[in-house]
Protein backbone atom coordinates (compact mmCIF):
# COMPACT_ATOMS: atom_id res chain seq x y z
CA UNK A 1 3.98 10.00 18.55
CA UNK A 2 1.83 13.05 17.25
CA UNK A 3 -1.70 13.05 18.07
CA UNK A 4 -2.08 13.24 14.47
CA UNK A 5 -0.36 9.88 13.72
CA UNK A 6 -2.08 8.21 16.75
CA UNK A 7 -5.24 9.15 14.92
CA UNK A 8 -4.69 7.83 12.01
CA UNK A 9 -2.95 4.60 13.31
CA UNK A 10 -6.43 4.39 15.61
CA UNK A 11 -8.24 4.94 12.12
CA UNK A 12 -6.28 1.82 10.55
CA UNK A 13 -7.27 -0.17 13.75
CA UNK A 14 -10.83 0.63 14.10
CA UNK A 15 -12.10 0.88 10.78
CA UNK A 16 -9.82 -1.36 8.51
CA UNK A 17 -8.62 -3.55 11.11
CA UNK A 18 -4.78 -3.31 9.84
CA UNK A 19 -2.61 -3.74 12.73
CA UNK A 20 -0.17 -0.59 13.23
CA UNK A 21 2.91 -2.68 14.15
CA UNK A 22 2.25 -4.49 10.16
CA UNK A 23 2.38 -0.80 9.24
CA UNK A 24 5.25 -0.11 10.54
CA UNK A 25 6.72 -3.40 9.47
CA UNK A 26 6.33 -2.89 5.59
CA UNK A 27 7.39 0.62 5.71
CA UNK A 28 10.55 -0.40 7.19
CA UNK A 29 10.81 -3.25 4.87
CA UNK A 30 10.47 -0.37 1.76
CA UNK A 31 13.08 1.89 2.99
CA UNK A 32 15.85 1.19 0.65
CA UNK A 33 13.58 -0.80 -2.00
CA UNK A 34 14.24 -0.77 -5.53
CA UNK A 35 10.46 0.04 -6.51
CA UNK A 36 12.05 -0.32 -10.33
CA UNK A 37 12.41 -3.95 -9.51
CA UNK A 38 9.11 -5.61 -10.44
CA UNK A 39 9.35 -8.58 -7.98
CA UNK A 40 9.84 -5.61 -5.16
CA UNK A 41 7.09 -4.11 -6.24
CA UNK A 42 4.89 -7.10 -6.54
CA UNK A 43 5.74 -8.28 -3.14
CA UNK A 44 5.35 -5.10 -1.62
CA UNK A 45 1.44 -4.76 -3.50
CA UNK A 46 0.84 -8.18 -2.02
CA UNK A 47 1.88 -7.47 1.58
CA UNK A 48 -0.62 -4.31 1.43
CA UNK A 49 -3.38 -6.58 0.16
CA UNK A 50 -2.37 -9.32 2.72
CA UNK A 51 -2.48 -6.83 5.81
CA UNK A 52 -5.52 -4.46 4.30
CA UNK A 53 -7.58 -8.29 4.14
CA UNK A 54 -8.52 -6.92 0.67
CA UNK A 55 -8.30 -9.17 -2.32
CA UNK A 56 -6.15 -7.97 -5.45
CA UNK A 57 -6.81 -9.40 -8.63
CA UNK A 58 -3.91 -10.35 -10.55
CA UNK A 59 -5.62 -7.59 -13.32
CA UNK A 60 -5.28 -4.88 -10.72
CA UNK A 61 -2.01 -6.16 -9.34
CA UNK A 62 -0.64 -5.74 -12.85
CA UNK A 63 -1.65 -2.18 -13.02
CA UNK A 64 -0.50 -1.09 -9.63
CA UNK A 65 3.10 -2.68 -10.14
CA UNK A 66 3.00 -0.98 -13.94
CA UNK A 67 2.21 2.48 -12.53
CA UNK A 68 4.64 1.96 -9.39
CA UNK A 69 7.68 0.82 -11.71
CA UNK A 70 6.92 3.46 -14.58
CA UNK A 71 6.82 6.44 -11.82
CA UNK A 72 3.12 6.68 -13.25
CA UNK A 73 1.71 7.46 -9.82
CA UNK A 74 -1.00 9.91 -9.25
CA UNK A 75 -0.47 12.26 -6.99
CA UNK A 76 -4.00 13.09 -5.76
CA UNK A 77 -5.82 10.63 -3.58
CA UNK A 78 -9.25 10.13 -5.93
CA UNK A 79 -7.33 9.05 -9.07
CA UNK A 80 -4.94 6.77 -6.66
CA UNK A 81 -8.06 5.54 -5.06
CA UNK A 82 -9.53 4.42 -8.27
CA UNK A 83 -6.41 1.89 -8.69
CA UNK A 84 -7.83 -0.02 -5.81
CA UNK A 85 -11.59 0.37 -6.97
CA UNK A 86 -13.46 -2.09 -8.95
């Protein structure tokens, strides 16, 4: 693991209280995932919310799922962050 990766995982562990092993499990589970399948995408959103210990409202979940399925996902972090904020 590079220093960059270690720093990211340390940050996740210390600031967001996210276990790096959980991140690996989710990443492994989506390697061959069909991101046009609503059930698959919804399950992923719920998994990520759970490991981050961040509640996601049904409305917000619907918006995220729709954006992923329609491949309308913003590439810049500021816009992407708006999906997860109030």
